Amino acid sequence: EKRRFFSDGPGGSGKTFLYNTIMHYVRSKNELVLPCTFTG
């Protein structure tokens, strides 16, 4: 049921590192992950 998440942490808590780790994991399975941000 829980398939939507929000990683909440102050600057420097490793959110970007977490995102990149997850992207590498999913892509290692030959699956598509689409990252986006609100600003360029």
Full PDB file with SEQRES, HELIX, SHEET, SSBOND, CRYST1, ORIGX, SCALE, CONECT and MASTER records, all heavy atoms in Angstrom:
SEQRES   1 A   40  GLU LYS ARG ARG PHE PHE SER ASP GLY PRO GLY GLY SER          
SEQRES   2 A   40  GLY LYS THR PHE LEU TYR ASN THR ILE MET HIS TYR VAL          
SEQRES   3 A   40  ARG SER LYS ASN GLU LEU VAL LEU PRO CYS THR PHE THR          
SEQRES   4 A   40  GLY                                                          
HELIX    1 AA1 LYS A   15  SER A   28  1                                  14    
CRYST1    1.000    1.000    1.000  90.00  90.00  90.00 P 1           1          
ORIGX1      1.000000  0.000000  0.000000        0.00000                         
ORIGX2      0.000000  1.000000  0.000000        0.00000                         
ORIGX3      0.000000  0.000000  1.000000        0.00000                         
SCALE1      1.000000  0.000000  0.000000        0.00000                         
SCALE2      0.000000  1.000000  0.000000        0.00000                         
SCALE3      0.000000  0.000000  1.000000        0.00000                         
ATOM      1  N   GLU A   1       0.830  -1.197   0.000  1.00  0.00           N  
ATOM      2  CA  GLU A   1       0.000   0.000   0.000  1.00  0.00           C  
ATOM      3  C   GLU A   1       0.870   1.255   0.000  1.00  0.00           C  
ATOM      4  O   GLU A   1       0.568   2.237  -0.668  1.00  0.00           O  
ATOM      5  CB  GLU A   1      -0.914  -0.005   1.230  1.00  0.00           C  
ATOM      6  CG  GLU A   1      -1.938   1.102   1.196  1.00  0.00           C  
ATOM      7  CD  GLU A   1      -2.909   0.989   2.347  1.00  0.00           C  
ATOM      8  OE1 GLU A   1      -3.310  -0.130   2.694  1.00  0.00           O  
ATOM      9  OE2 GLU A   1      -3.252   2.041   2.901  1.00  0.00           O  
ATOM     10  N   LYS A   2       1.953   1.246   0.771  1.00  0.00           N  
ATOM     11  CA  LYS A   2       2.848   2.404   0.884  1.00  0.00           C  
ATOM     12  C   LYS A   2       3.909   2.338  -0.210  1.00  0.00           C  
ATOM     13  O   LYS A   2       4.887   1.618  -0.097  1.00  0.00           O  
ATOM     14  CB  LYS A   2       3.526   2.433   2.262  1.00  0.00           C  
ATOM     15  CG  LYS A   2       2.589   2.669   3.414  1.00  0.00           C  
ATOM     16  CD  LYS A   2       2.214   4.119   3.495  1.00  0.00           C  
ATOM     17  CE  LYS A   2       1.418   4.384   4.761  1.00  0.00           C  
ATOM     18  NZ  LYS A   2       1.184   5.749   5.010  1.00  0.00           N  
ATOM     19  N   ARG A   3       3.682   3.116  -1.287  1.00  0.00           N  
ATOM     20  CA  ARG A   3       4.629   3.137  -2.399  1.00  0.00           C  
ATOM     21  C   ARG A   3       5.002   4.558  -2.788  1.00  0.00           C  
ATOM     22  O   ARG A   3       5.573   4.793  -3.832  1.00  0.00           O  
ATOM     23  CB  ARG A   3       4.049   2.395  -3.605  1.00  0.00           C  
ATOM     24  CG  ARG A   3       3.765   0.926  -3.269  1.00  0.00           C  
ATOM     25  CD  ARG A   3       3.389   0.110  -4.470  1.00  0.00           C  
ATOM     26  NE  ARG A   3       4.618  -0.275  -5.147  1.00  0.00           N  
ATOM     27  CZ  ARG A   3       4.746  -0.290  -6.473  1.00  0.00           C  
ATOM     28  NH1 ARG A   3       3.760   0.035  -7.257  1.00  0.00           N  
ATOM     29  NH2 ARG A   3       5.879  -0.672  -7.020  1.00  0.00           N  
ATOM     30  N   ARG A   4       4.657   5.521  -1.927  1.00  0.00           N  
ATOM     31  CA  ARG A   4       5.013   6.911  -2.124  1.00  0.00           C  
ATOM     32  C   ARG A   4       5.731   7.384  -0.869  1.00  0.00           C  
ATOM     33  O   ARG A   4       5.251   7.164   0.247  1.00  0.00           O  
ATOM     34  CB  ARG A   4       3.777   7.792  -2.357  1.00  0.00           C  
ATOM     35  CG  ARG A   4       3.387   7.905  -3.785  1.00  0.00           C  
ATOM     36  CD  ARG A   4       2.396   6.943  -4.365  1.00  0.00           C  
ATOM     37  NE  ARG A   4       1.548   6.213  -3.465  1.00  0.00           N  
ATOM     38  CZ  ARG A   4       1.323   4.905  -3.619  1.00  0.00           C  
ATOM     39  NH1 ARG A   4       1.864   4.250  -4.587  1.00  0.00           N  
ATOM     40  NH2 ARG A   4       0.536   4.263  -2.802  1.00  0.00           N  
ATOM     41  N   PHE A   5       6.877   8.048  -1.088  1.00  0.00           N  
ATOM     42  CA  PHE A   5       7.723   8.423   0.041  1.00  0.00           C  
ATOM     43  C   PHE A   5       8.170   9.876  -0.090  1.00  0.00           C  
ATOM     44  O   PHE A   5       8.208  10.427  -1.184  1.00  0.00           O  
ATOM     45  CB  PHE A   5       8.971   7.523   0.095  1.00  0.00           C  
ATOM     46  CG  PHE A   5       8.631   6.066   0.141  1.00  0.00           C  
ATOM     47  CD1 PHE A   5       8.577   5.315  -1.018  1.00  0.00           C  
ATOM     48  CD2 PHE A   5       8.348   5.444   1.345  1.00  0.00           C  
ATOM     49  CE1 PHE A   5       8.261   3.964  -0.990  1.00  0.00           C  
ATOM     50  CE2 PHE A   5       8.017   4.091   1.389  1.00  0.00           C  
ATOM     51  CZ  PHE A   5       7.979   3.357   0.223  1.00  0.00           C  
ATOM     52  N   PHE A   6       8.538  10.439   1.053  1.00  0.00           N  
ATOM     53  CA  PHE A   6       9.118  11.786   1.087  1.00  0.00           C  
ATOM     54  C   PHE A   6      10.354  11.720   1.969  1.00  0.00           C  
ATOM     55  O   PHE A   6      10.245  11.449   3.160  1.00  0.00           O  
ATOM     56  CB  PHE A   6       8.120  12.805   1.657  1.00  0.00           C  
ATOM     57  CG  PHE A   6       8.593  14.225   1.525  1.00  0.00           C  
ATOM     58  CD1 PHE A   6       8.165  15.010   0.473  1.00  0.00           C  
ATOM     59  CD2 PHE A   6       9.487  14.773   2.441  1.00  0.00           C  
ATOM     60  CE1 PHE A   6       8.619  16.315   0.331  1.00  0.00           C  
ATOM     61  CE2 PHE A   6       9.938  16.072   2.305  1.00  0.00           C  
ATOM     62  CZ  PHE A   6       9.508  16.846   1.255  1.00  0.00           C  
ATOM     63  N   SER A   7      11.538  11.922   1.375  1.00  0.00           N  
ATOM     64  CA  SER A   7      12.766  11.934   2.177  1.00  0.00           C  
ATOM     65  C   SER A   7      12.952  13.351   2.699  1.00  0.00           C  
ATOM     66  O   SER A   7      13.134  14.284   1.930  1.00  0.00           O  
ATOM     67  CB  SER A   7      13.973  11.471   1.363  1.00  0.00           C  
ATOM     68  OG  SER A   7      14.251  12.366   0.316  1.00  0.00           O  
ATOM     69  N   ASP A   8      12.858  13.484   4.005  1.00  0.00           N  
ATOM     70  CA  ASP A   8      12.918  14.788   4.660  1.00  0.00           C  
ATOM     71  C   ASP A   8      14.181  14.866   5.500  1.00  0.00           C  
ATOM     72  O   ASP A   8      14.394  14.040   6.383  1.00  0.00           O  
ATOM     73  CB  ASP A   8      11.681  14.970   5.549  1.00  0.00           C  
ATOM     74  CG  ASP A   8      11.627  16.337   6.214  1.00  0.00           C  
ATOM     75  OD1 ASP A   8      12.300  17.269   5.731  1.00  0.00           O  
ATOM     76  OD2 ASP A   8      10.898  16.468   7.212  1.00  0.00           O  
ATOM     77  N   GLY A   9      14.996  15.833   5.199  1.00  0.00           N  
ATOM     78  CA  GLY A   9      16.209  16.013   5.977  1.00  0.00           C  
ATOM     79  C   GLY A   9      16.836  17.348   5.656  1.00  0.00           C  
ATOM     80  O   GLY A   9      16.662  17.882   4.561  1.00  0.00           O  
ATOM     81  N   PRO A  10      17.575  17.897   6.607  1.00  0.00           N  
ATOM     82  CA  PRO A  10      18.238  19.182   6.365  1.00  0.00           C  
ATOM     83  C   PRO A  10      19.330  19.059   5.316  1.00  0.00           C  
ATOM     84  O   PRO A  10      19.768  17.941   4.980  1.00  0.00           O  
ATOM     85  CB  PRO A  10      18.817  19.543   7.738  1.00  0.00           C  
ATOM     86  CG  PRO A  10      18.941  18.253   8.454  1.00  0.00           C  
ATOM     87  CD  PRO A  10      17.861  17.364   7.930  1.00  0.00           C  
ATOM     88  N   GLY A  11      19.774  20.195   4.788  1.00  0.00           N  
ATOM     89  CA  GLY A  11      20.874  20.196   3.837  1.00  0.00           C  
ATOM     90  C   GLY A  11      22.069  19.452   4.423  1.00  0.00           C  
ATOM     91  O   GLY A  11      22.397  19.612   5.591  1.00  0.00           O  
ATOM     92  N   GLY A  12      22.680  18.593   3.619  1.00  0.00           N  
ATOM     93  CA  GLY A  12      23.835  17.839   4.068  1.00  0.00           C  
ATOM     94  C   GLY A  12      23.498  16.499   4.698  1.00  0.00           C  
ATOM     95  O   GLY A  12      24.387  15.774   5.150  1.00  0.00           O  
ATOM     96  N   SER A  13      22.209  16.135   4.713  1.00  0.00           N  
ATOM     97  CA  SER A  13      21.815  14.863   5.329  1.00  0.00           C  
ATOM     98  C   SER A  13      21.934  13.684   4.362  1.00  0.00           C  
ATOM     99  O   SER A  13      21.713  12.548   4.749  1.00  0.00           O  
ATOM    100  CB  SER A  13      20.391  14.945   5.891  1.00  0.00           C  
ATOM    101  OG  SER A  13      19.457  15.193   4.857  1.00  0.00           O  
ATOM    102  N   GLY A  14      22.262  13.946   3.105  1.00  0.00           N  
ATOM    103  CA  GLY A  14      22.513  12.869   2.154  1.00  0.00           C  
ATOM    104  C   GLY A  14      21.353  12.493   1.259  1.00  0.00           C  
ATOM    105  O   GLY A  14      21.307  11.373   0.745  1.00  0.00           O  
ATOM    106  N   LYS A  15      20.426  13.420   1.031  1.00  0.00           N  
ATOM    107  CA  LYS A  15      19.291  13.109   0.158  1.00  0.00           C  
ATOM    108  C   LYS A  15      19.760  12.803  -1.271  1.00  0.00           C  
ATOM    109  O   LYS A  15      19.347  11.813  -1.864  1.00  0.00           O  
ATOM    110  CB  LYS A  15      18.287  14.264   0.156  1.00  0.00           C  
ATOM    111  CG  LYS A  15      17.557  14.458   1.472  1.00  0.00           C  
ATOM    112  CD  LYS A  15      16.541  15.566   1.415  1.00  0.00           C  
ATOM    113  CE  LYS A  15      17.122  16.944   1.220  1.00  0.00           C  
ATOM    114  NZ  LYS A  15      17.966  17.452   2.299  1.00  0.00           N  
ATOM    115  N   THR A  16      20.631  13.648  -1.818  1.00  0.00           N  
ATOM    116  CA  THR A  16      21.100  13.448  -3.187  1.00  0.00           C  
ATOM    117  C   THR A  16      21.868  12.137  -3.314  1.00  0.00           C  
ATOM    118  O   THR A  16      21.712  11.407  -4.295  1.00  0.00           O  
ATOM    119  CB  THR A  16      21.969  14.638  -3.643  1.00  0.00           C  
ATOM    120  OG1 THR A  16      21.196  15.838  -3.509  1.00  0.00           O  
ATOM    121  CG2 THR A  16      22.409  14.482  -5.083  1.00  0.00           C  
ATOM    122  N   PHE A  17      22.673  11.804  -2.319  1.00  0.00           N  
ATOM    123  CA  PHE A  17      23.401  10.535  -2.330  1.00  0.00           C  
ATOM    124  C   PHE A  17      22.416   9.364  -2.325  1.00  0.00           C  
ATOM    125  O   PHE A  17      22.584   8.391  -3.057  1.00  0.00           O  
ATOM    126  CB  PHE A  17      24.354  10.448  -1.131  1.00  0.00           C  
ATOM    127  CG  PHE A  17      25.211   9.221  -1.134  1.00  0.00           C  
ATOM    128  CD1 PHE A  17      26.257   9.086  -2.028  1.00  0.00           C  
ATOM    129  CD2 PHE A  17      24.953   8.180  -0.256  1.00  0.00           C  
ATOM    130  CE1 PHE A  17      27.053   7.948  -2.045  1.00  0.00           C  
ATOM    131  CE2 PHE A  17      25.735   7.033  -0.261  1.00  0.00           C  
ATOM    132  CZ  PHE A  17      26.793   6.918  -1.158  1.00  0.00           C  
ATOM    133  N   LEU A  18      21.356   9.478  -1.516  1.00  0.00           N  
ATOM    134  CA  LEU A  18      20.317   8.446  -1.475  1.00  0.00           C  
ATOM    135  C   LEU A  18      19.650   8.313  -2.840  1.00  0.00           C  
ATOM    136  O   LEU A  18      19.476   7.205  -3.347  1.00  0.00           O  
ATOM    137  CB  LEU A  18      19.279   8.774  -0.400  1.00  0.00           C  
ATOM    138  CG  LEU A  18      18.050   7.868  -0.342  1.00  0.00           C  
ATOM    139  CD1 LEU A  18      18.433   6.439   0.037  1.00  0.00           C  
ATOM    140  CD2 LEU A  18      17.031   8.434   0.649  1.00  0.00           C  
ATOM    141  N   TYR A  19      19.280   9.439  -3.452  1.00  0.00           N  
ATOM    142  CA  TYR A  19      18.628   9.392  -4.768  1.00  0.00           C  
ATOM    143  C   TYR A  19      19.524   8.694  -5.795  1.00  0.00           C  
ATOM    144  O   TYR A  19      19.065   7.839  -6.552  1.00  0.00           O  
ATOM    145  CB  TYR A  19      18.311  10.795  -5.295  1.00  0.00           C  
ATOM    146  CG  TYR A  19      17.453  11.654  -4.417  1.00  0.00           C  
ATOM    147  CD1 TYR A  19      17.575  13.036  -4.453  1.00  0.00           C  
ATOM    148  CD2 TYR A  19      16.513  11.119  -3.547  1.00  0.00           C  
ATOM    149  CE1 TYR A  19      16.795  13.846  -3.660  1.00  0.00           C  
ATOM    150  CE2 TYR A  19      15.730  11.930  -2.746  1.00  0.00           C  
ATOM    151  CZ  TYR A  19      15.880  13.293  -2.805  1.00  0.00           C  
ATOM    152  OH  TYR A  19      15.108  14.103  -2.013  1.00  0.00           O  
ATOM    153  N   ASN A  20      20.788   9.097  -5.834  1.00  0.00           N  
ATOM    154  CA  ASN A  20      21.704   8.507  -6.810  1.00  0.00           C  
ATOM    155  C   ASN A  20      21.914   7.018  -6.551  1.00  0.00           C  
ATOM    156  O   ASN A  20      22.003   6.227  -7.495  1.00  0.00           O  
ATOM    157  CB  ASN A  20      23.030   9.273  -6.831  1.00  0.00           C  
ATOM    158  CG  ASN A  20      22.898  10.594  -7.565  1.00  0.00           C  
ATOM    159  OD1 ASN A  20      22.300  10.674  -8.630  1.00  0.00           O  
ATOM    160  ND2 ASN A  20      23.444  11.650  -6.990  1.00  0.00           N  
ATOM    161  N   THR A  21      21.961   6.604  -5.289  1.00  0.00           N  
ATOM    162  CA  THR A  21      22.108   5.189  -4.961  1.00  0.00           C  
ATOM    163  C   THR A  21      20.894   4.396  -5.444  1.00  0.00           C  
ATOM    164  O   THR A  21      21.023   3.335  -6.054  1.00  0.00           O  
ATOM    165  CB  THR A  21      22.295   4.995  -3.443  1.00  0.00           C  
ATOM    166  OG1 THR A  21      23.448   5.729  -3.015  1.00  0.00           O  
ATOM    167  CG2 THR A  21      22.471   3.538  -3.078  1.00  0.00           C  
ATOM    168  N   ILE A  22      19.708   4.936  -5.197  1.00  0.00           N  
ATOM    169  CA  ILE A  22      18.474   4.274  -5.639  1.00  0.00           C  
ATOM    170  C   ILE A  22      18.419   4.211  -7.165  1.00  0.00           C  
ATOM    171  O   ILE A  22      18.049   3.183  -7.742  1.00  0.00           O  
ATOM    172  CB  ILE A  22      17.232   4.993  -5.065  1.00  0.00           C  
ATOM    173  CG1 ILE A  22      17.188   4.801  -3.553  1.00  0.00           C  
ATOM    174  CG2 ILE A  22      15.956   4.495  -5.719  1.00  0.00           C  
ATOM    175  CD1 ILE A  22      16.206   5.716  -2.852  1.00  0.00           C  
ATOM    176  N   MET A  23      18.817   5.307  -7.828  1.00  0.00           N  
ATOM    177  CA  MET A  23      18.805   5.307  -9.296  1.00  0.00           C  
ATOM    178  C   MET A  23      19.744   4.235  -9.845  1.00  0.00           C  
ATOM    179  O   MET A  23      19.379   3.510 -10.770  1.00  0.00           O  
ATOM    180  CB  MET A  23      19.191   6.688  -9.841  1.00  0.00           C  
ATOM    181  CG  MET A  23      18.081   7.700  -9.705  1.00  0.00           C  
ATOM    182  SD  MET A  23      18.386   9.211 -10.634  1.00  0.00           S  
ATOM    183  CE  MET A  23      19.806   9.867  -9.795  1.00  0.00           C  
ATOM    184  N   HIS A  24      20.936   4.118  -9.269  1.00  0.00           N  
ATOM    185  CA  HIS A  24      21.880   3.104  -9.731  1.00  0.00           C  
ATOM    186  C   HIS A  24      21.329   1.695  -9.487  1.00  0.00           C  
ATOM    187  O   HIS A  24      21.500   0.809 -10.329  1.00  0.00           O  
ATOM    188  CB  HIS A  24      23.245   3.279  -9.061  1.00  0.00           C  
ATOM    189  CG  HIS A  24      23.996   4.462  -9.575  1.00  0.00           C  
ATOM    190  ND1 HIS A  24      24.471   4.561 -10.862  1.00  0.00           N  
ATOM    191  CD2 HIS A  24      24.343   5.625  -8.972  1.00  0.00           C  
ATOM    192  CE1 HIS A  24      25.071   5.716 -11.036  1.00  0.00           C  
ATOM    193  NE2 HIS A  24      25.010   6.387  -9.901  1.00  0.00           N  
ATOM    194  N   TYR A  25      20.653   1.502  -8.363  1.00  0.00           N  
ATOM    195  CA  TYR A  25      20.073   0.191  -8.064  1.00  0.00           C  
ATOM    196  C   TYR A  25      19.014  -0.182  -9.106  1.00  0.00           C  
ATOM    197  O   TYR A  25      19.047  -1.271  -9.682  1.00  0.00           O  
ATOM    198  CB  TYR A  25      19.465   0.175  -6.655  1.00  0.00           C  
ATOM    199  CG  TYR A  25      18.799  -1.134  -6.338  1.00  0.00           C  
ATOM    200  CD1 TYR A  25      19.553  -2.245  -5.961  1.00  0.00           C  
ATOM    201  CD2 TYR A  25      17.415  -1.282  -6.450  1.00  0.00           C  
ATOM    202  CE1 TYR A  25      18.952  -3.463  -5.703  1.00  0.00           C  
ATOM    203  CE2 TYR A  25      16.806  -2.492  -6.188  1.00  0.00           C  
ATOM    204  CZ  TYR A  25      17.576  -3.582  -5.817  1.00  0.00           C  
ATOM    205  OH  TYR A  25      16.970  -4.788  -5.573  1.00  0.00           O  
ATOM    206  N   VAL A  26      18.070   0.723  -9.346  1.00  0.00           N  
ATOM    207  CA  VAL A  26      16.986   0.445 -10.296  1.00  0.00           C  
ATOM    208  C   VAL A  26      17.542   0.260 -11.704  1.00  0.00           C  
ATOM    209  O   VAL A  26      17.154  -0.665 -12.424  1.00  0.00           O  
ATOM    210  CB  VAL A  26      15.916   1.557 -10.252  1.00  0.00           C  
ATOM    211  CG1 VAL A  26      14.876   1.373 -11.357  1.00  0.00           C  
ATOM    212  CG2 VAL A  26      15.240   1.595  -8.885  1.00  0.00           C  
ATOM    213  N   ARG A  27      18.479   1.116 -12.088  1.00  0.00           N  
ATOM    214  CA  ARG A  27      19.060   1.009 -13.429  1.00  0.00           C  
ATOM    215  C   ARG A  27      19.890  -0.261 -13.583  1.00  0.00           C  
ATOM    216  O   ARG A  27      20.006  -0.791 -14.687  1.00  0.00           O  
ATOM    217  CB  ARG A  27      19.884   2.252 -13.738  1.00  0.00           C  
ATOM    218  CG  ARG A  27      18.992   3.470 -13.956  1.00  0.00           C  
ATOM    219  CD  ARG A  27      19.763   4.752 -14.104  1.00  0.00           C  
ATOM    220  NE  ARG A  27      18.847   5.864 -14.355  1.00  0.00           N  
ATOM    221  CZ  ARG A  27      19.156   7.134 -14.153  1.00  0.00           C  
ATOM    222  NH1 ARG A  27      20.364   7.465 -13.721  1.00  0.00           N  
ATOM    223  NH2 ARG A  27      18.260   8.080 -14.382  1.00  0.00           N  
ATOM    224  N   SER A  28      20.455  -0.773 -12.480  1.00  0.00           N  
ATOM    225  CA  SER A  28      21.213  -2.027 -12.554  1.00  0.00           C  
ATOM    226  C   SER A  28      20.304  -3.210 -12.879  1.00  0.00           C  
ATOM    227  O   SER A  28      20.760  -4.255 -13.326  1.00  0.00           O  
ATOM    228  CB  SER A  28      21.968  -2.288 -11.244  1.00  0.00           C  
ATOM    229  OG  SER A  28      21.088  -2.733 -10.228  1.00  0.00           O  
ATOM    230  N   LYS A  29      19.002  -3.040 -12.674  1.00  0.00           N  
ATOM    231  CA  LYS A  29      18.006  -4.063 -13.007  1.00  0.00           C  
ATOM    232  C   LYS A  29      17.454  -3.845 -14.417  1.00  0.00           C  
ATOM    233  O   LYS A  29      16.451  -4.441 -14.795  1.00  0.00           O  
ATOM    234  CB  LYS A  29      16.843  -4.024 -12.001  1.00  0.00           C  
ATOM    235  CG  LYS A  29      17.257  -4.099 -10.553  1.00  0.00           C  
ATOM    236  CD  LYS A  29      17.789  -5.450 -10.215  1.00  0.00           C  
ATOM    237  CE  LYS A  29      18.109  -5.525  -8.730  1.00  0.00           C  
ATOM    238  NZ  LYS A  29      19.007  -6.616  -8.426  1.00  0.00           N  
ATOM    239  N   ASN A  30      18.079  -2.928 -15.172  1.00  0.00           N  
ATOM    240  CA  ASN A  30      17.639  -2.550 -16.517  1.00  0.00           C  
ATOM    241  C   ASN A  30      16.216  -2.001 -16.528  1.00  0.00           C  
ATOM    242  O   ASN A  30      15.442  -2.261 -17.446  1.00  0.00           O  
ATOM    243  CB  ASN A  30      17.777  -3.721 -17.504  1.00  0.00           C  
ATOM    244  CG  ASN A  30      19.221  -4.042 -17.775  1.00  0.00           C  
ATOM    245  OD1 ASN A  30      20.040  -3.138 -17.927  1.00  0.00           O  
ATOM    246  ND2 ASN A  30      19.541  -5.324 -17.801  1.00  0.00           N  
ATOM    247  N   GLU A  31      15.888  -1.258 -15.498  1.00  0.00           N  
ATOM    248  CA  GLU A  31      14.569  -0.634 -15.373  1.00  0.00           C  
ATOM    249  C   GLU A  31      14.750   0.888 -15.445  1.00  0.00           C  
ATOM    250  O   GLU A  31      15.837   1.412 -15.179  1.00  0.00           O  
ATOM    251  CB  GLU A  31      13.927  -1.011 -14.048  1.00  0.00           C  
ATOM    252  CG  GLU A  31      13.790  -2.499 -13.848  1.00  0.00           C  
ATOM    253  CD  GLU A  31      12.448  -3.048 -14.240  1.00  0.00           C  
ATOM    254  OE1 GLU A  31      11.548  -3.021 -13.417  1.00  0.00           O  
ATOM    255  OE2 GLU A  31      12.322  -3.508 -15.380  1.00  0.00           O  
ATOM    256  N   LEU A  32      13.676   1.558 -15.769  1.00  0.00           N  
ATOM    257  CA  LEU A  32      13.710   3.005 -15.953  1.00  0.00           C  
ATOM    258  C   LEU A  32      13.350   3.736 -14.670  1.00  0.00           C  
ATOM    259  O   LEU A  32      12.329   3.445 -14.040  1.00  0.00           O  
ATOM    260  CB  LEU A  32      12.740   3.406 -17.076  1.00  0.00           C  
ATOM    261  CG  LEU A  32      12.655   4.883 -17.427  1.00  0.00           C  
ATOM    262  CD1 LEU A  32      14.008   5.403 -17.931  1.00  0.00           C  
ATOM    263  CD2 LEU A  32      11.578   5.106 -18.479  1.00  0.00           C  
ATOM    264  N   VAL A  33      14.187   4.685 -14.279  1.00  0.00           N  
ATOM    265  CA  VAL A  33      13.903   5.599 -13.178  1.00  0.00           C  
ATOM    266  C   VAL A  33      14.026   7.009 -13.745  1.00  0.00           C  
ATOM    267  O   VAL A  33      14.955   7.292 -14.509  1.00  0.00           O  
ATOM    268  CB  VAL A  33      14.837   5.376 -11.966  1.00  0.00           C  
ATOM    269  CG1 VAL A  33      16.289   5.498 -12.354  1.00  0.00           C  
ATOM    270  CG2 VAL A  33      14.529   6.334 -10.835  1.00  0.00           C  
ATOM    271  N   LEU A  34      13.065   7.868 -13.425  1.00  0.00           N  
ATOM    272  CA  LEU A  34      13.064   9.224 -13.955  1.00  0.00           C  
ATOM    273  C   LEU A  34      13.206  10.224 -12.805  1.00  0.00           C  
ATOM    274  O   LEU A  34      12.279  10.383 -12.012  1.00  0.00           O  
ATOM    275  CB  LEU A  34      11.773   9.491 -14.736  1.00  0.00           C  
ATOM    276  CG  LEU A  34      11.576   8.633 -15.975  1.00  0.00           C  
ATOM    277  CD1 LEU A  34      10.189   8.857 -16.569  1.00  0.00           C  
ATOM    278  CD2 LEU A  34      12.649   8.932 -17.011  1.00  0.00           C  
ATOM    279  N   PRO A  35      14.364  10.893 -12.720  1.00  0.00           N  
ATOM    280  CA  PRO A  35      14.545  11.903 -11.683  1.00  0.00           C  
ATOM    281  C   PRO A  35      14.173  13.291 -12.188  1.00  0.00           C  
ATOM    282  O   PRO A  35      14.420  13.632 -13.346  1.00  0.00           O  
ATOM    283  CB  PRO A  35      16.049  11.820 -11.389  1.00  0.00           C  
ATOM    284  CG  PRO A  35      16.652  11.428 -12.700  1.00  0.00           C  
ATOM    285  CD  PRO A  35      15.614  10.557 -13.391  1.00  0.00           C  
ATOM    286  N   CYS A  36      13.561  14.067 -11.319  1.00  0.00           N  
ATOM    287  CA  CYS A  36      13.258  15.457 -11.656  1.00  0.00           C  
ATOM    288  C   CYS A  36      13.368  16.317 -10.403  1.00  0.00           C  
ATOM    289  O   CYS A  36      13.386  15.804  -9.285  1.00  0.00           O  
ATOM    290  CB  CYS A  36      11.876  15.589 -12.288  1.00  0.00           C  
ATOM    291  SG  CYS A  36      10.484  15.242 -11.194  1.00  0.00           S  
ATOM    292  N   THR A  37      13.458  17.596 -10.618  1.00  0.00           N  
ATOM    293  CA  THR A  37      13.506  18.561  -9.525  1.00  0.00           C  
ATOM    294  C   THR A  37      12.615  19.735  -9.903  1.00  0.00           C  
ATOM    295  O   THR A  37      12.208  19.856 -11.061  1.00  0.00           O  
ATOM    296  CB  THR A  37      14.940  19.072  -9.273  1.00  0.00           C  
ATOM    297  OG1 THR A  37      15.377  19.799 -10.416  1.00  0.00           O  
ATOM    298  CG2 THR A  37      15.899  17.928  -8.994  1.00  0.00           C  
ATOM    299  N   PHE A  38      12.354  20.584  -8.939  1.00  0.00           N  
ATOM    300  CA  PHE A  38      11.493  21.720  -9.260  1.00  0.00           C  
ATOM    301  C   PHE A  38      12.269  22.819  -9.981  1.00  0.00           C  
ATOM    302  O   PHE A  38      11.685  23.589 -10.731  1.00  0.00           O  
ATOM    303  CB  PHE A  38      10.803  22.258  -8.004  1.00  0.00           C  
ATOM    304  CG  PHE A  38       9.609  23.114  -8.328  1.00  0.00           C  
ATOM    305  CD1 PHE A  38       8.474  22.560  -8.877  1.00  0.00           C  
ATOM    306  CD2 PHE A  38       9.645  24.483  -8.117  1.00  0.00           C  
ATOM    307  CE1 PHE A  38       7.383  23.345  -9.212  1.00  0.00           C  
ATOM    308  CE2 PHE A  38       8.557  25.274  -8.443  1.00  0.00           C  
ATOM    309  CZ  PHE A  38       7.426  24.707  -8.992  1.00  0.00           C  
ATOM    310  N   THR A  39      13.594  22.905  -9.777  1.00  0.00           N  
ATOM    311  CA  THR A  39      14.388  23.921 -10.466  1.00  0.00           C  
ATOM    312  C   THR A  39      15.454  23.253 -11.326  1.00  0.00           C  
ATOM    313  O   THR A  39      15.881  22.131 -11.060  1.00  0.00           O  
ATOM    314  CB  THR A  39      15.090  24.875  -9.475  1.00  0.00           C  
ATOM    315  OG1 THR A  39      16.038  24.130  -8.708  1.00  0.00           O  
ATOM    316  CG2 THR A  39      14.085  25.555  -8.554  1.00  0.00           C  
ATOM    317  N   GLY A  40      15.909  23.970 -12.329  1.00  0.00           N  
ATOM    318  CA  GLY A  40      16.891  23.434 -13.255  1.00  0.00           C  
ATOM    319  C   GLY A  40      18.260  23.219 -12.639  1.00  0.00           C  
ATOM    320  O   GLY A  40      18.960  22.272 -12.988  1.00  0.00           O  
TER     321      GLY A  40                                                      
MASTER        0    0    0    1    0    0    0    6  320    1    0    4          
END                                                                             
